[in-house]
Amino acid sequence: MSDSQRAYEAIAAEISALIQSKYEIGDRLPAERDLATRFGVSRPTIREALLLLSLSGQVEVRKNSGVYVTGRQAKIDLSETGAGPFENLDARLIIEPELAAIAAANVSDRLIAQLADALAIMRHEHALGKEAETGDHRFHLAIASASGNATLVNIVDMLWTTQLKSRIWEEIHRSMPMQAYWQTWLEDHEKVFDAIKAGNAKAARQAMARHIKNIHAILLSESSPAKRISPSAPGKP
């Protein structure tokens, strides 16, 4: 793997080579856990690699069945697809809980008003049957801004933009029942808001970490060939 190549891209290339050498169209690939063991990586990395191969036309991920070969050759460049969603969420989990704790320690009337406005926008977007992208983005940027560090604000903004531009993120969302999870994610944001408003840094850190882990668990479930988890009880498969 080159220094610039992402882990899931490298694994996708290896699985692609494996398909070309050992599998026929219609064959089912080994289970994720077996692929993870074979290549020495995590299941989320395998998941991202399989989704990339799905985009390339080499495999099809079938719910409650498995991953099947649909083509011998990749139809897209496997090294030009951008950051994977789980890679992105891992970065957010390192940064954003601490920013939430800092926001709670530095809480002000202005910050509370900004977060309340962002939540109101999220609710309005949901009422219109839309994803709460504008309100959600404003909410996280307001928290980052409370740090007083422009570099951290830019990092959070970059992670958000990268996430929305991810082709794998789009592939998951294409078949994902997003509306089923809106209430879960809204409640996550409300818990972060309540902790920051109360000036409770520990609770704010925990609430933000829980929110990002919930997103991770839901995306992992929705992109899995196995049965999906319930929207009301997100957790790691």
C-alpha atoms as a PDB file:
ATOM      1  CA  MET A   1       0.000   0.000   0.000  1.00  0.00           C
ATOM      2  CA  SER A   2       1.399   3.412  -0.979  1.00  0.00           C
ATOM      3  CA  ASP A   3       1.572   6.274   1.517  1.00  0.00           C
ATOM      4  CA  SER A   4      -1.282   8.084  -0.262  1.00  0.00           C
ATOM      5  CA  GLN A   5      -3.527   5.035  -0.661  1.00  0.00           C
ATOM      6  CA  ARG A   6      -6.282   4.495   1.875  1.00  0.00           C
ATOM      7  CA  ALA A   7      -6.510   1.145   3.640  1.00  0.00           C
ATOM      8  CA  TYR A   8      -9.904   0.257   2.188  1.00  0.00           C
ATOM      9  CA  GLU A   9      -8.706   1.110  -1.341  1.00  0.00           C
ATOM     10  CA  ALA A  10      -5.716  -1.207  -0.949  1.00  0.00           C
ATOM     11  CA  ILE A  11      -7.934  -4.013   0.371  1.00  0.00           C
ATOM     12  CA  ALA A  12     -10.434  -3.453  -2.453  1.00  0.00           C
ATOM     13  CA  ALA A  13      -7.595  -3.871  -4.951  1.00  0.00           C
ATOM     14  CA  GLU A  14      -6.516  -7.122  -3.261  1.00  0.00           C
ATOM     15  CA  ILE A  15     -10.061  -8.518  -3.215  1.00  0.00           C
ATOM     16  CA  SER A  16     -10.452  -7.454  -6.851  1.00  0.00           C
ATOM     17  CA  ALA A  17      -7.326  -9.424  -7.751  1.00  0.00           C
ATOM     18  CA  LEU A  18      -8.671 -12.386  -5.771  1.00  0.00           C
ATOM     19  CA  ILE A  19     -11.940 -12.241  -7.714  1.00  0.00           C
ATOM     20  CA  GLN A  20     -10.087 -12.214 -11.024  1.00  0.00           C
ATOM     21  CA  SER A  21      -7.968 -15.221 -10.084  1.00  0.00           C
ATOM     22  CA  LYS A  22     -10.348 -17.470  -8.139  1.00  0.00           C
ATOM     23  CA  TYR A  23     -14.007 -16.536  -8.592  1.00  0.00           C
ATOM     24  CA  GLU A  24     -16.629 -16.708 -11.307  1.00  0.00           C
ATOM     25  CA  ILE A  25     -19.637 -14.445 -11.805  1.00  0.00           C
ATOM     26  CA  GLY A  26     -22.357 -15.563  -9.403  1.00  0.00           C
ATOM     27  CA  ASP A  27     -19.945 -16.926  -6.787  1.00  0.00           C
ATOM     28  CA  ARG A  28     -20.358 -15.762  -3.198  1.00  0.00           C
ATOM     29  CA  LEU A  29     -17.349 -14.243  -1.468  1.00  0.00           C
ATOM     30  CA  PRO A  30     -16.238 -15.371   2.005  1.00  0.00           C
ATOM     31  CA  ALA A  31     -17.912 -13.762   5.018  1.00  0.00           C
ATOM     32  CA  GLU A  32     -16.638 -10.369   6.177  1.00  0.00           C
ATOM     33  CA  ARG A  33     -15.058 -11.780   9.317  1.00  0.00           C
ATOM     34  CA  ASP A  34     -13.085 -14.258   7.217  1.00  0.00           C
ATOM     35  CA  LEU A  35     -11.930 -11.537   4.833  1.00  0.00           C
ATOM     36  CA  ALA A  36     -10.958  -9.345   7.794  1.00  0.00           C
ATOM     37  CA  THR A  37      -8.867 -12.183   9.224  1.00  0.00           C
ATOM     38  CA  ARG A  38      -7.293 -12.961   5.866  1.00  0.00           C
ATOM     39  CA  PHE A  39      -6.207  -9.378   5.197  1.00  0.00           C
ATOM     40  CA  GLY A  40      -5.516  -8.404   8.812  1.00  0.00           C
ATOM     41  CA  VAL A  41      -7.855  -5.405   8.908  1.00  0.00           C
ATOM     42  CA  SER A  42     -11.053  -4.388  10.700  1.00  0.00           C
ATOM     43  CA  ARG A  43     -14.544  -5.281   9.509  1.00  0.00           C
ATOM     44  CA  PRO A  44     -15.377  -1.612   8.751  1.00  0.00           C
ATOM     45  CA  THR A  45     -12.363  -1.516   6.408  1.00  0.00           C
ATOM     46  CA  ILE A  46     -13.607  -4.691   4.695  1.00  0.00           C
ATOM     47  CA  ARG A  47     -17.075  -3.125   4.485  1.00  0.00           C
ATOM     48  CA  GLU A  48     -15.700  -0.007   2.792  1.00  0.00           C
ATOM     49  CA  ALA A  49     -13.688  -2.162   0.384  1.00  0.00           C
ATOM     50  CA  LEU A  50     -16.754  -4.236  -0.554  1.00  0.00           C
ATOM     51  CA  LEU A  51     -18.842  -1.102  -1.074  1.00  0.00           C
ATOM     52  CA  LEU A  52     -16.123   0.252  -3.339  1.00  0.00           C
ATOM     53  CA  LEU A  53     -16.169  -2.999  -5.313  1.00  0.00           C
ATOM     54  CA  SER A  54     -19.951  -2.676  -5.515  1.00  0.00           C
ATOM     55  CA  LEU A  55     -19.506   0.776  -7.041  1.00  0.00           C
ATOM     56  CA  SER A  56     -16.968  -0.718  -9.443  1.00  0.00           C
ATOM     57  CA  GLY A  57     -19.462  -3.323 -10.656  1.00  0.00           C
ATOM     58  CA  GLN A  58     -17.498  -6.317  -9.390  1.00  0.00           C
ATOM     59  CA  VAL A  59     -19.767  -7.378  -6.529  1.00  0.00           C
ATOM     60  CA  GLU A  60     -23.323  -7.028  -5.290  1.00  0.00           C
ATOM     61  CA  VAL A  61     -24.116  -6.814  -1.573  1.00  0.00           C
ATOM     62  CA  ARG A  62     -27.372  -8.689  -0.984  1.00  0.00           C
ATOM     63  CA  LYS A  63     -29.224  -8.213   2.289  1.00  0.00           C
ATOM     64  CA  ASN A  64     -29.540 -11.362   4.402  1.00  0.00           C
ATOM     65  CA  SER A  65     -27.543 -13.321   1.844  1.00  0.00           C
ATOM     66  CA  GLY A  66     -23.959 -12.237   1.222  1.00  0.00           C
ATOM     67  CA  VAL A  67     -21.650 -10.610  -1.298  1.00  0.00           C
ATOM     68  CA  TYR A  68     -21.704 -12.013  -4.827  1.00  0.00           C
ATOM     69  CA  VAL A  69     -19.385 -11.562  -7.791  1.00  0.00           C
ATOM     70  CA  THR A  70     -21.033  -9.644 -10.642  1.00  0.00           C
ATOM     71  CA  GLY A  71     -17.988  -8.757 -12.750  1.00  0.00           C
ATOM     72  CA  ARG A  72     -14.377  -9.825 -13.207  1.00  0.00           C
ATOM     73  CA  GLN A  73     -12.940  -6.356 -13.867  1.00  0.00           C
ATOM     74  CA  ALA A  74     -13.405  -3.068 -11.981  1.00  0.00           C
ATOM     75  CA  LYS A  75     -15.210  -0.388 -14.000  1.00  0.00           C
ATOM     76  CA  ILE A  76     -13.772   2.530 -12.009  1.00  0.00           C
ATOM     77  CA  ASP A  77     -10.364   3.497 -10.642  1.00  0.00           C
ATOM     78  CA  LEU A  78     -10.233   1.908  -7.189  1.00  0.00           C
ATOM     79  CA  SER A  79      -7.805   4.562  -5.949  1.00  0.00           C
ATOM     80  CA  GLU A  80      -9.853   7.704  -6.640  1.00  0.00           C
ATOM     81  CA  THR A  81     -12.955   7.445  -4.480  1.00  0.00           C
ATOM     82  CA  GLY A  82     -12.145   9.710  -1.522  1.00  0.00           C
ATOM     83  CA  ALA A  83     -12.331   9.113   2.212  1.00  0.00           C
ATOM     84  CA  GLY A  84     -14.448   6.232   3.423  1.00  0.00           C
ATOM     85  CA  PRO A  85     -17.300   6.992   5.857  1.00  0.00           C
ATOM     86  CA  PHE A  86     -15.898   4.860   8.674  1.00  0.00           C
ATOM     87  CA  GLU A  87     -12.452   6.415   8.268  1.00  0.00           C
ATOM     88  CA  ASN A  88     -14.124   9.815   8.494  1.00  0.00           C
ATOM     89  CA  LEU A  89     -16.162   8.887  11.572  1.00  0.00           C
ATOM     90  CA  ASP A  90     -13.045   7.560  13.313  1.00  0.00           C
ATOM     91  CA  ALA A  91     -11.444  10.982  12.847  1.00  0.00           C
ATOM     92  CA  ARG A  92     -14.560  12.740  14.115  1.00  0.00           C
ATOM     93  CA  LEU A  93     -14.615  10.511  17.195  1.00  0.00           C
ATOM     94  CA  ILE A  94     -11.105  11.660  18.094  1.00  0.00           C
ATOM     95  CA  ILE A  95     -11.850  15.364  17.650  1.00  0.00           C
ATOM     96  CA  GLU A  96     -15.491  16.240  18.245  1.00  0.00           C
ATOM     97  CA  PRO A  97     -16.114  14.852  21.757  1.00  0.00           C
ATOM     98  CA  GLU A  98     -13.264  17.013  23.054  1.00  0.00           C
ATOM     99  CA  LEU A  99     -14.639  20.026  21.203  1.00  0.00           C
ATOM    100  CA  ALA A 100     -18.020  19.419  22.850  1.00  0.00           C
ATOM    101  CA  ALA A 101     -16.327  19.334  26.254  1.00  0.00           C
ATOM    102  CA  ILE A 102     -14.516  22.602  25.481  1.00  0.00           C
ATOM    103  CA  ALA A 103     -17.801  24.152  24.337  1.00  0.00           C
ATOM    104  CA  ALA A 104     -19.425  23.186  27.649  1.00  0.00           C
ATOM    105  CA  ALA A 105     -16.527  24.712  29.567  1.00  0.00           C
ATOM    106  CA  ASN A 106     -16.782  27.903  27.477  1.00  0.00           C
ATOM    107  CA  VAL A 107     -20.581  28.024  27.258  1.00  0.00           C
ATOM    108  CA  SER A 108     -22.109  31.427  26.527  1.00  0.00           C
ATOM    109  CA  ASP A 109     -25.526  32.841  25.709  1.00  0.00           C
ATOM    110  CA  ARG A 110     -24.373  33.312  22.117  1.00  0.00           C
ATOM    111  CA  LEU A 111     -23.349  29.658  21.768  1.00  0.00           C
ATOM    112  CA  ILE A 112     -26.611  28.438  23.311  1.00  0.00           C
ATOM    113  CA  ALA A 113     -28.561  30.600  20.851  1.00  0.00           C
ATOM    114  CA  GLN A 114     -26.531  29.280  17.895  1.00  0.00           C
ATOM    115  CA  LEU A 115     -27.086  25.663  18.903  1.00  0.00           C
ATOM    116  CA  ALA A 116     -30.787  26.231  19.572  1.00  0.00           C
ATOM    117  CA  ASP A 117     -31.165  27.820  16.125  1.00  0.00           C
ATOM    118  CA  ALA A 118     -29.352  24.876  14.512  1.00  0.00           C
ATOM    119  CA  LEU A 119     -31.670  22.411  16.258  1.00  0.00           C
ATOM    120  CA  ALA A 120     -34.700  24.413  15.091  1.00  0.00           C
ATOM    121  CA  ILE A 121     -33.417  24.235  11.506  1.00  0.00           C
ATOM    122  CA  MET A 122     -32.927  20.477  11.849  1.00  0.00           C
ATOM    123  CA  ARG A 123     -36.514  20.020  13.037  1.00  0.00           C
ATOM    124  CA  HIS A 124     -37.793  22.216  10.196  1.00  0.00           C
ATOM    125  CA  GLU A 125     -35.818  20.252   7.600  1.00  0.00           C
ATOM    126  CA  HIS A 126     -37.244  17.002   8.958  1.00  0.00           C
ATOM    127  CA  ALA A 127     -40.761  18.455   8.847  1.00  0.00           C
ATOM    128  CA  LEU A 128     -40.183  19.161   5.148  1.00  0.00           C
ATOM    129  CA  GLY A 129     -39.142  15.532   4.629  1.00  0.00           C
ATOM    130  CA  LYS A 130     -35.488  16.425   4.120  1.00  0.00           C
ATOM    131  CA  GLU A 131     -32.253  15.379   5.757  1.00  0.00           C
ATOM    132  CA  ALA A 132     -31.116  17.969   8.297  1.00  0.00           C
ATOM    133  CA  GLU A 133     -27.866  18.772   6.513  1.00  0.00           C
ATOM    134  CA  THR A 134     -27.931  22.550   7.014  1.00  0.00           C
ATOM    135  CA  GLY A 135     -28.928  22.463  10.678  1.00  0.00           C
ATOM    136  CA  ASP A 136     -26.628  19.542  11.438  1.00  0.00           C
ATOM    137  CA  HIS A 137     -23.652  21.271   9.812  1.00  0.00           C
ATOM    138  CA  ARG A 138     -24.301  24.511  11.711  1.00  0.00           C
ATOM    139  CA  PHE A 139     -24.630  22.628  14.996  1.00  0.00           C
ATOM    140  CA  HIS A 140     -21.228  20.969  14.725  1.00  0.00           C
ATOM    141  CA  LEU A 141     -19.476  24.088  13.435  1.00  0.00           C
ATOM    142  CA  ALA A 142     -20.899  26.173  16.299  1.00  0.00           C
ATOM    143  CA  ILE A 143     -19.453  23.697  18.788  1.00  0.00           C
ATOM    144  CA  ALA A 144     -16.070  23.796  17.061  1.00  0.00           C
ATOM    145  CA  SER A 145     -16.147  27.606  16.993  1.00  0.00           C
ATOM    146  CA  ALA A 146     -16.528  27.682  20.785  1.00  0.00           C
ATOM    147  CA  SER A 147     -12.929  26.453  20.996  1.00  0.00           C
ATOM    148  CA  GLY A 148     -11.726  29.777  19.592  1.00  0.00           C
ATOM    149  CA  ASN A 149      -9.378  27.807  17.330  1.00  0.00           C
ATOM    150  CA  ALA A 150      -9.852  28.454  13.604  1.00  0.00           C
ATOM    151  CA  THR A 151      -7.765  25.412  12.672  1.00  0.00           C
ATOM    152  CA  LEU A 152     -10.111  23.094  14.561  1.00  0.00           C
ATOM    153  CA  VAL A 153     -13.131  24.761  12.947  1.00  0.00           C
ATOM    154  CA  ASN A 154     -11.583  24.188   9.515  1.00  0.00           C
ATOM    155  CA  ILE A 155     -10.863  20.544  10.352  1.00  0.00           C
ATOM    156  CA  VAL A 156     -14.468  19.905  11.412  1.00  0.00           C
ATOM    157  CA  ASP A 157     -15.736  21.651   8.279  1.00  0.00           C
ATOM    158  CA  MET A 158     -13.356  19.611   6.111  1.00  0.00           C
ATOM    159  CA  LEU A 159     -14.473  16.343   7.719  1.00  0.00           C
ATOM    160  CA  TRP A 160     -18.097  17.282   7.098  1.00  0.00           C
ATOM    161  CA  THR A 161     -17.471  18.207   3.449  1.00  0.00           C
ATOM    162  CA  THR A 162     -15.379  15.091   2.857  1.00  0.00           C
ATOM    163  CA  GLN A 163     -18.132  12.945   4.330  1.00  0.00           C
ATOM    164  CA  LEU A 164     -20.794  14.362   2.007  1.00  0.00           C
ATOM    165  CA  LYS A 165     -18.542  13.928  -1.042  1.00  0.00           C
ATOM    166  CA  SER A 166     -17.693  10.298  -0.269  1.00  0.00           C
ATOM    167  CA  ARG A 167     -18.930   7.966  -2.999  1.00  0.00           C
ATOM    168  CA  ILE A 168     -19.200   5.144  -0.481  1.00  0.00           C
ATOM    169  CA  TRP A 169     -21.260   7.370   1.840  1.00  0.00           C
ATOM    170  CA  GLU A 170     -23.570   8.010  -1.129  1.00  0.00           C
ATOM    171  CA  GLU A 171     -23.745   4.287  -1.894  1.00  0.00           C
ATOM    172  CA  ILE A 172     -24.891   3.496   1.662  1.00  0.00           C
ATOM    173  CA  HIS A 173     -27.418   6.340   1.657  1.00  0.00           C
ATOM    174  CA  ARG A 174     -28.818   5.307  -1.719  1.00  0.00           C
ATOM    175  CA  SER A 175     -30.622   2.333  -0.173  1.00  0.00           C
ATOM    176  CA  MET A 176     -30.682   3.442   3.464  1.00  0.00           C
ATOM    177  CA  PRO A 177     -34.056   4.357   5.056  1.00  0.00           C
ATOM    178  CA  MET A 178     -32.710   7.664   6.347  1.00  0.00           C
ATOM    179  CA  GLN A 179     -36.007   8.911   7.730  1.00  0.00           C
ATOM    180  CA  ALA A 180     -36.141   5.955  10.125  1.00  0.00           C
ATOM    181  CA  TYR A 181     -33.089   7.341  11.932  1.00  0.00           C
ATOM    182  CA  TRP A 182     -33.881  11.053  11.993  1.00  0.00           C
ATOM    183  CA  GLN A 183     -35.415  10.929  15.471  1.00  0.00           C
ATOM    184  CA  THR A 184     -32.427   9.022  16.868  1.00  0.00           C
ATOM    185  CA  TRP A 185     -29.976  11.557  15.490  1.00  0.00           C
ATOM    186  CA  LEU A 186     -32.088  14.532  16.580  1.00  0.00           C
ATOM    187  CA  GLU A 187     -32.244  13.168  20.126  1.00  0.00           C
ATOM    188  CA  ASP A 188     -28.462  12.698  20.052  1.00  0.00           C
ATOM    189  CA  HIS A 189     -28.024  16.382  19.192  1.00  0.00           C
ATOM    190  CA  GLU A 190     -30.479  17.443  21.892  1.00  0.00           C
ATOM    191  CA  LYS A 191     -28.460  15.528  24.505  1.00  0.00           C
ATOM    192  CA  VAL A 192     -25.267  17.246  23.363  1.00  0.00           C
ATOM    193  CA  PHE A 193     -27.075  20.598  23.530  1.00  0.00           C
ATOM    194  CA  ASP A 194     -28.427  19.949  27.040  1.00  0.00           C
ATOM    195  CA  ALA A 195     -24.973  18.987  28.338  1.00  0.00           C
ATOM    196  CA  ILE A 196     -23.297  22.049  26.812  1.00  0.00           C
ATOM    197  CA  LYS A 197     -26.050  24.359  28.071  1.00  0.00           C
ATOM    198  CA  ALA A 198     -25.569  22.940  31.580  1.00  0.00           C
ATOM    199  CA  GLY A 199     -21.822  23.545  31.343  1.00  0.00           C
ATOM    200  CA  ASN A 200     -21.182  19.834  31.934  1.00  0.00           C
ATOM    201  CA  ALA A 201     -18.010  19.046  29.987  1.00  0.00           C
ATOM    202  CA  LYS A 202     -17.982  15.341  30.872  1.00  0.00           C
ATOM    203  CA  ALA A 203     -21.595  14.822  29.793  1.00  0.00           C
ATOM    204  CA  ALA A 204     -21.024  16.819  26.588  1.00  0.00           C
ATOM    205  CA  ARG A 205     -18.000  14.696  25.704  1.00  0.00           C
ATOM    206  CA  GLN A 206     -19.941  11.488  26.330  1.00  0.00           C
ATOM    207  CA  ALA A 207     -23.017  12.660  24.409  1.00  0.00           C
ATOM    208  CA  MET A 208     -20.996  13.629  21.335  1.00  0.00           C
ATOM    209  CA  ALA A 209     -19.056  10.357  21.399  1.00  0.00           C
ATOM    210  CA  ARG A 210     -22.322   8.429  21.689  1.00  0.00           C
ATOM    211  CA  HIS A 211     -23.767  10.337  18.724  1.00  0.00           C
ATOM    212  CA  ILE A 212     -20.825   9.540  16.449  1.00  0.00           C
ATOM    213  CA  LYS A 213     -20.791   5.900  17.567  1.00  0.00           C
ATOM    214  CA  ASN A 214     -24.518   5.687  16.802  1.00  0.00           C
ATOM    215  CA  ILE A 215     -23.891   6.936  13.260  1.00  0.00           C
ATOM    216  CA  HIS A 216     -21.062   4.410  12.885  1.00  0.00           C
ATOM    217  CA  ALA A 217     -23.238   1.527  14.102  1.00  0.00           C
ATOM    218  CA  ILE A 218     -26.188   2.457  11.900  1.00  0.00           C
ATOM    219  CA  LEU A 219     -24.060   2.853   8.771  1.00  0.00           C
ATOM    220  CA  LEU A 220     -22.282  -0.416   9.492  1.00  0.00           C
ATOM    221  CA  SER A 221     -25.622  -2.170   9.858  1.00  0.00           C
ATOM    222  CA  GLU A 222     -27.218  -0.578   6.795  1.00  0.00           C
ATOM    223  CA  SER A 223     -24.283  -1.539   4.577  1.00  0.00           C
ATOM    224  CA  SER A 224     -24.163  -5.118   5.861  1.00  0.00           C
ATOM    225  CA  PRO A 225     -25.361  -8.232   4.029  1.00  0.00           C
ATOM    226  CA  ALA A 226     -26.720  -9.311   7.437  1.00  0.00           C
ATOM    227  CA  LYS A 227     -30.033  -8.255   8.962  1.00  0.00           C
ATOM    228  CA  ARG A 228     -30.282  -4.572   9.909  1.00  0.00           C
ATOM    229  CA  ILE A 229     -30.447  -3.330  13.482  1.00  0.00           C
ATOM    230  CA  SER A 230     -33.458  -1.481  14.849  1.00  0.00           C
ATOM    231  CA  PRO A 231     -33.329   2.316  14.428  1.00  0.00           C
ATOM    232  CA  SER A 232     -34.447   2.732  18.039  1.00  0.00           C
ATOM    233  CA  ALA A 233     -31.585   0.715  19.463  1.00  0.00           C
ATOM    234  CA  PRO A 234     -28.383   1.429  17.527  1.00  0.00           C
ATOM    235  CA  GLY A 235     -25.349  -0.547  18.555  1.00  0.00           C
ATOM    236  CA  LYS A 236     -22.376  -2.332  17.141  1.00  0.00           C
ATOM    237  CA  PRO A 237     -23.228  -5.534  15.279  1.00  0.00           C
END
